[in-house]
Amino acid sequence: MAVSPPPSRSALEYLKELRQIGPLEIVVAQVDWPPAEKHRLGIPGAQPLEANQAEVQRLLERDLRERVTALLGTKNVRVLVEPSWGRPDLRLIELAEREKADLIVTGTHQRQGVERLWHASTSRGILLQAPLNVLVVPHRPPAATSALPTLRRILVSTDFSTLGNEAIPLAYATLPTGGLVKLVTVILPWEVPGPLVPHYQSQRQTRKKHEQQAAESLKQLRALIPAEAEARGIATEAEVIEGHKVAEVLGQAAERFGADLICLASHGRSGIARAFLGSVAQEVLSQSLRPVLVVRSKIR
């Protein structure tokens, strides 16, 4: 039996119920568009034509395996992640035939009217094209009594300001024993100067100075790890991230890390102040695919 996400949760929950009738061999297949996943994760390097980059593949398999395991466990369950430059429905049908599946289970958004014209339906394509049985499970909103989410990994960012550092203790306080914190800061990348940039320019940063800045930033991050973290069984990974767009690279880092939560500080500006000064927190809130905890300044 093959399962195709998204929206996969309803399909997986239906399989969980179906298992009670009898044993099932389940293959959960995910088809991705390589350029989109490469950008979402912020992975550098050339894009292969017929495969995901190795790091992209590893992270996609990790995330899919975690979602599937949470609902179905690991017994008689396999996960497949494969790239596709064409229609995902046709690729999923190919995978189902290759796996000799008896049934394809797919979720559906049940879009209507104009929305259906703008968004191609993977489930409809599978239903029309598949030469084997297809079970389409409508999207079901989570039950009001659904279990509380478990936080295991939190990404927390600081710019080393007093306010930026205030987010760090809260991130550690939010995690249970066994949790993992990714402590990050963002610096500008070093770039090779163009031919028009004078080599005697006093503000020109050399590669050596850039490497020293990165090393010093990493040292500062590690110094900010709370003393109680290890005693509470909370591990820490510190990383200096390079990029021009802070909100974008933070979001990409959170995707690579598989963060359950992003934690960062904000001055809480509004109106004209926000329009002129901007807000990294505001940009992260608008762009992030993951929950964001914003720590407001205690100084008013």
Protein backbone atom coordinates (compact mmCIF):
# COMPACT_ATOMS: atom_id res chain seq x y z
CA MET A 1 0.00 0.00 0.00
CA ALA A 2 1.43 3.38 -1.00
CA VAL A 3 0.59 6.69 0.65
CA SER A 4 1.09 10.03 -1.05
CA PRO A 5 1.43 13.33 0.83
CA PRO A 6 0.32 16.12 1.02
CA PRO A 7 -2.12 16.58 2.69
CA SER A 8 -0.83 13.35 4.16
CA ARG A 9 -1.84 13.53 7.81
CA SER A 10 -5.48 12.62 7.15
CA ALA A 11 -4.38 9.74 4.91
CA LEU A 12 -1.94 8.45 7.54
CA GLU A 13 -4.55 8.71 10.28
CA TYR A 14 -6.96 6.72 8.11
CA LEU A 15 -4.31 4.04 7.63
CA LYS A 16 -3.83 3.90 11.38
CA GLU A 17 -7.52 3.00 11.67
CA LEU A 18 -7.33 0.59 8.73
CA ARG A 19 -4.52 -1.30 10.42
CA GLN A 20 -6.93 -2.40 13.12
CA ILE A 21 -8.70 -4.58 10.54
CA GLY A 22 -5.59 -6.43 9.43
CA PRO A 23 -1.80 -6.17 8.82
CA LEU A 24 -0.55 -3.76 6.16
CA GLU A 25 2.75 -3.22 4.38
CA ILE A 26 2.95 0.57 4.02
CA VAL A 27 5.22 2.64 1.81
CA VAL A 28 4.94 6.39 2.39
CA ALA A 29 6.14 8.20 -0.72
CA GLN A 30 6.97 11.89 -1.03
CA VAL A 31 7.76 13.57 -4.33
CA ASP A 32 9.58 16.89 -4.23
CA TRP A 33 10.55 19.57 -6.70
CA PRO A 34 14.35 19.87 -6.23
CA PRO A 35 14.83 23.64 -6.74
CA ALA A 36 12.12 24.48 -4.20
CA GLU A 37 13.52 22.15 -1.53
CA LYS A 38 17.09 23.32 -2.18
CA HIS A 39 16.02 26.92 -1.59
CA ARG A 40 13.81 26.11 1.42
CA LEU A 41 16.73 24.38 3.14
CA GLY A 42 19.37 26.87 1.98
CA ILE A 43 21.71 24.17 0.69
CA PRO A 44 24.53 25.53 -1.55
CA GLY A 45 26.05 23.76 -4.52
CA ALA A 46 25.01 22.57 -7.96
CA GLN A 47 21.67 20.85 -8.46
CA PRO A 48 21.91 17.34 -10.00
CA LEU A 49 19.52 16.71 -12.89
CA GLU A 50 18.12 13.35 -11.77
CA ALA A 51 18.40 13.45 -7.98
CA ASN A 52 18.25 15.63 -4.91
CA GLN A 53 21.53 16.85 -3.46
CA ALA A 54 22.70 14.36 -0.84
CA GLU A 55 22.07 16.75 2.08
CA VAL A 56 18.62 17.70 0.76
CA GLN A 57 17.73 14.02 0.40
CA ARG A 58 18.90 13.27 3.94
CA LEU A 59 16.88 16.08 5.48
CA LEU A 60 13.72 15.28 3.51
CA GLU A 61 13.93 11.62 4.55
CA ARG A 62 14.54 12.64 8.18
CA ASP A 63 11.49 14.91 8.29
CA LEU A 64 9.19 12.44 6.54
CA ARG A 65 10.35 9.56 8.73
CA GLU A 66 9.68 11.58 11.89
CA ARG A 67 6.15 12.54 10.78
CA VAL A 68 5.30 9.00 9.75
CA THR A 69 6.78 7.39 12.86
CA ALA A 70 4.75 9.70 15.10
CA LEU A 71 1.51 8.37 13.56
CA LEU A 72 2.28 4.84 12.40
CA GLY A 73 5.41 3.72 14.22
CA THR A 74 8.08 1.82 12.30
CA LYS A 75 6.70 -1.72 11.97
CA ASN A 76 6.05 -2.66 8.32
CA VAL A 77 6.50 0.98 7.28
CA ARG A 78 9.01 2.36 4.78
CA VAL A 79 9.48 5.91 3.52
CA LEU A 80 10.53 7.01 0.04
CA VAL A 81 11.55 10.50 -1.05
CA GLU A 82 12.16 11.04 -4.74
CA PRO A 83 12.60 14.15 -6.87
CA SER A 84 10.41 15.02 -9.81
CA TRP A 85 10.71 17.75 -12.42
CA GLY A 86 7.27 16.96 -13.78
CA ARG A 87 3.79 16.22 -12.46
CA PRO A 88 3.86 14.77 -8.92
CA ASP A 89 0.76 12.63 -9.50
CA LEU A 90 2.38 10.73 -12.36
CA ARG A 91 5.58 10.25 -10.39
CA LEU A 92 3.64 8.88 -7.41
CA ILE A 93 1.81 6.44 -9.69
CA GLU A 94 5.18 5.25 -11.06
CA LEU A 95 6.41 4.68 -7.49
CA ALA A 96 3.26 2.76 -6.57
CA GLU A 97 3.67 0.49 -9.60
CA ARG A 98 7.35 -0.02 -8.87
CA GLU A 99 6.51 -1.02 -5.29
CA LYS A 100 3.76 -3.36 -6.59
CA ALA A 101 1.20 -1.60 -4.37
CA ASP A 102 -2.38 -2.88 -4.21
CA LEU A 103 -3.75 0.50 -3.18
CA ILE A 104 -2.78 4.18 -3.30
CA VAL A 105 -4.01 6.24 -0.36
CA THR A 106 -3.94 9.99 -0.86
CA GLY A 107 -5.30 13.01 0.96
CA THR A 108 -7.13 15.89 -0.69
CA HIS A 109 -7.63 19.59 0.02
CA GLN A 110 -11.13 19.45 -1.53
CA ARG A 111 -10.64 22.80 -3.26
CA GLN A 112 -13.67 24.29 -4.95
CA GLY A 113 -14.46 26.86 -7.64
CA VAL A 114 -11.74 29.27 -8.75
CA GLU A 115 -9.27 27.83 -6.23
CA ARG A 116 -9.42 24.52 -8.09
CA LEU A 117 -8.40 26.29 -11.32
CA TRP A 118 -5.35 27.91 -9.74
CA HIS A 119 -4.09 24.84 -7.85
CA ALA A 120 -3.53 21.55 -9.65
CA SER A 121 -4.90 18.58 -7.72
CA THR A 122 -2.45 15.74 -7.15
CA SER A 123 -5.20 13.50 -5.73
CA ARG A 124 -7.44 14.09 -8.77
CA GLY A 125 -4.58 13.29 -11.12
CA ILE A 126 -3.88 10.04 -9.27
CA LEU A 127 -7.56 9.14 -9.28
CA LEU A 128 -7.85 9.65 -13.05
CA GLN A 129 -4.51 8.14 -14.14
CA ALA A 130 -3.67 5.31 -11.73
CA PRO A 131 -4.15 1.76 -13.08
CA LEU A 132 -4.72 0.45 -9.55
CA ASN A 133 -7.10 1.06 -6.68
CA VAL A 134 -7.10 4.57 -5.18
CA LEU A 135 -8.47 5.67 -1.81
CA VAL A 136 -8.91 9.46 -1.42
CA VAL A 137 -9.19 10.69 2.17
CA PRO A 138 -10.67 14.20 2.66
CA HIS A 139 -8.72 16.58 4.86
CA ARG A 140 -9.90 16.37 8.46
CA PRO A 141 -9.09 19.19 10.89
CA PRO A 142 -7.28 18.03 14.05
CA ALA A 143 -9.57 16.91 16.85
CA ALA A 144 -10.08 19.37 19.70
CA THR A 145 -8.73 16.71 22.07
CA SER A 146 -5.54 16.12 20.07
CA ALA A 147 -2.37 15.58 22.09
CA LEU A 148 -0.18 18.51 23.05
CA PRO A 149 2.82 18.94 20.72
CA THR A 150 6.17 17.79 22.03
CA LEU A 151 9.02 20.26 21.62
CA ARG A 152 12.32 18.52 20.98
CA ARG A 153 14.35 21.01 18.95
CA ILE A 154 14.37 24.80 19.23
CA LEU A 155 16.35 27.21 17.09
CA VAL A 156 17.16 30.46 18.91
CA SER A 157 18.82 33.46 17.29
CA THR A 158 20.71 36.37 18.79
CA ASP A 159 22.59 39.39 17.49
CA PHE A 160 24.49 39.61 20.80
CA SER A 161 22.52 42.66 21.90
CA THR A 162 21.01 42.67 25.40
CA LEU A 163 17.57 42.16 23.92
CA GLY A 164 18.72 39.47 21.48
CA ASN A 165 20.28 37.49 24.31
CA GLU A 166 17.03 37.56 26.32
CA ALA A 167 15.54 34.94 23.98
CA ILE A 168 18.18 32.34 24.88
CA PRO A 169 17.15 31.46 28.49
CA LEU A 170 13.51 31.24 27.42
CA ALA A 171 14.37 28.77 24.67
CA TYR A 172 16.12 26.49 27.16
CA ALA A 173 13.31 26.88 29.71
CA THR A 174 10.78 25.76 27.07
CA LEU A 175 12.50 22.44 26.30
CA PRO A 176 12.11 19.22 28.31
CA THR A 177 14.97 16.95 29.30
CA GLY A 178 16.58 15.45 26.21
CA GLY A 179 15.85 18.49 24.06
CA LEU A 180 18.27 20.13 21.64
CA VAL A 181 18.88 23.86 21.13
CA LYS A 182 20.44 25.27 17.97
CA LEU A 183 21.99 28.59 18.99
CA VAL A 184 22.73 30.78 15.95
CA THR A 185 23.78 34.24 14.86
CA VAL A 186 23.92 35.68 11.35
CA ILE A 187 26.88 37.51 9.82
CA LEU A 188 27.45 38.86 6.32
CA PRO A 189 29.30 36.49 3.99
CA TRP A 190 32.77 37.31 2.77
CA GLU A 191 32.78 38.19 -0.90
CA VAL A 192 35.64 38.58 -3.34
CA PRO A 193 35.99 42.31 -4.07
CA GLY A 194 35.33 43.39 -7.64
CA PRO A 195 38.02 45.00 -9.80
CA LEU A 196 36.67 48.48 -9.03
CA VAL A 197 37.11 48.11 -5.25
CA PRO A 198 40.46 49.62 -4.26
CA HIS A 199 42.65 47.22 -2.34
CA TYR A 200 43.78 50.00 -0.03
CA GLN A 201 40.19 50.74 1.11
CA SER A 202 40.33 50.85 4.92
CA GLN A 203 36.92 49.26 5.44
CA ARG A 204 37.52 46.38 3.05
CA GLN A 205 37.32 43.10 4.97
CA THR A 206 39.88 40.44 4.15
CA ARG A 207 39.08 36.74 4.21
CA LYS A 208 41.26 36.37 7.31
CA LYS A 209 39.29 39.09 9.16
CA HIS A 210 36.04 37.44 8.11
CA GLU A 211 37.20 34.09 9.46
CA GLN A 212 38.26 35.76 12.69
CA GLN A 213 34.82 37.39 12.98
CA ALA A 214 33.11 34.02 12.47
CA ALA A 215 35.34 32.33 15.04
CA GLU A 216 34.75 35.10 17.59
CA SER A 217 30.99 34.95 16.99
CA LEU A 218 31.01 31.20 17.57
CA LYS A 219 32.95 31.72 20.80
CA GLN A 220 30.39 34.33 21.93
CA LEU A 221 27.52 31.95 21.17
CA ARG A 222 29.03 29.17 23.26
CA ALA A 223 29.57 31.59 26.14
CA LEU A 224 25.82 32.29 26.16
CA ILE A 225 24.82 28.66 26.81
CA PRO A 226 23.15 28.64 30.27
CA ALA A 227 25.13 26.83 32.94
CA GLU A 228 22.04 24.79 33.90
CA ALA A 229 21.53 23.41 30.38
CA GLU A 230 23.75 20.35 30.73
CA ALA A 231 22.37 19.53 34.20
CA ARG A 232 18.85 19.62 32.75
CA GLY A 233 19.86 17.23 29.97
CA ILE A 234 19.53 19.81 27.18
CA ALA A 235 22.17 19.66 24.45
CA THR A 236 23.34 22.62 22.37
CA GLU A 237 24.60 23.11 18.84
CA ALA A 238 26.11 26.53 18.08
CA GLU A 239 26.44 27.79 14.51
CA VAL A 240 27.38 31.03 12.76
CA ILE A 241 25.24 31.45 9.64
CA GLU A 242 26.21 33.64 6.73
CA GLY A 243 23.73 35.55 4.60
CA HIS A 244 22.46 38.93 3.48
CA LYS A 245 18.77 38.35 4.29
CA VAL A 246 18.64 37.52 8.00
CA ALA A 247 15.02 36.34 8.11
CA GLU A 248 15.49 34.09 5.07
CA VAL A 249 18.66 32.39 6.32
CA LEU A 250 17.13 31.89 9.77
CA GLY A 251 14.13 30.19 8.18
CA GLN A 252 16.41 27.99 6.09
CA ALA A 253 18.47 27.08 9.16
CA ALA A 254 15.27 26.13 11.01
CA GLU A 255 14.27 23.86 8.12
CA ARG A 256 17.67 22.14 8.06
CA PHE A 257 17.58 21.71 11.82
CA GLY A 258 14.00 20.43 11.81
CA ALA A 259 13.09 22.96 14.50
CA ASP A 260 9.83 22.51 16.36
CA LEU A 261 10.03 26.19 17.32
CA ILE A 262 11.98 29.31 16.37
CA CYS A 263 12.73 31.67 19.25
CA LEU A 264 13.98 35.24 18.78
CA ALA A 265 13.64 38.68 20.32
CA SER A 266 11.85 41.77 19.08
CA HIS A 267 11.64 45.40 20.18
CA GLY A 268 7.90 45.24 19.52
CA ARG A 269 7.90 48.38 17.39
CA SER A 270 4.74 49.27 15.54
CA GLY A 271 3.46 51.79 13.04
CA ILE A 272 5.95 54.30 11.65
CA ALA A 273 8.87 52.95 13.69
CA ARG A 274 8.45 49.48 12.21
CA ALA A 275 8.01 50.90 8.70
CA PHE A 276 11.30 52.83 8.90
CA LEU A 277 13.41 50.45 10.95
CA GLY A 278 11.99 47.11 9.84
CA SER A 279 11.92 44.01 12.00
CA VAL A 280 13.69 40.71 11.56
CA ALA A 281 11.13 39.12 13.89
CA GLN A 282 8.30 40.43 11.71
CA GLU A 283 9.91 39.02 8.57
CA VAL A 284 10.52 35.64 10.20
CA LEU A 285 6.87 35.56 11.33
CA SER A 286 5.65 36.25 7.80
CA GLN A 287 8.02 33.83 6.06
CA SER A 288 8.57 30.92 8.45
CA LEU A 289 6.95 27.55 7.86
CA ARG A 290 7.44 26.73 11.55
CA PRO A 291 6.02 28.16 14.81
CA VAL A 292 7.79 31.29 16.05
CA LEU A 293 8.10 32.46 19.67
CA VAL A 294 8.82 36.20 19.83
CA VAL A 295 10.34 37.54 23.04
CA ARG A 296 9.43 41.18 23.66
CA SER A 297 11.72 43.69 25.31
CA LYS A 298 11.25 44.18 29.06
CA ILE A 299 12.34 47.80 28.66
CA ARG A 300 9.53 50.20 27.72
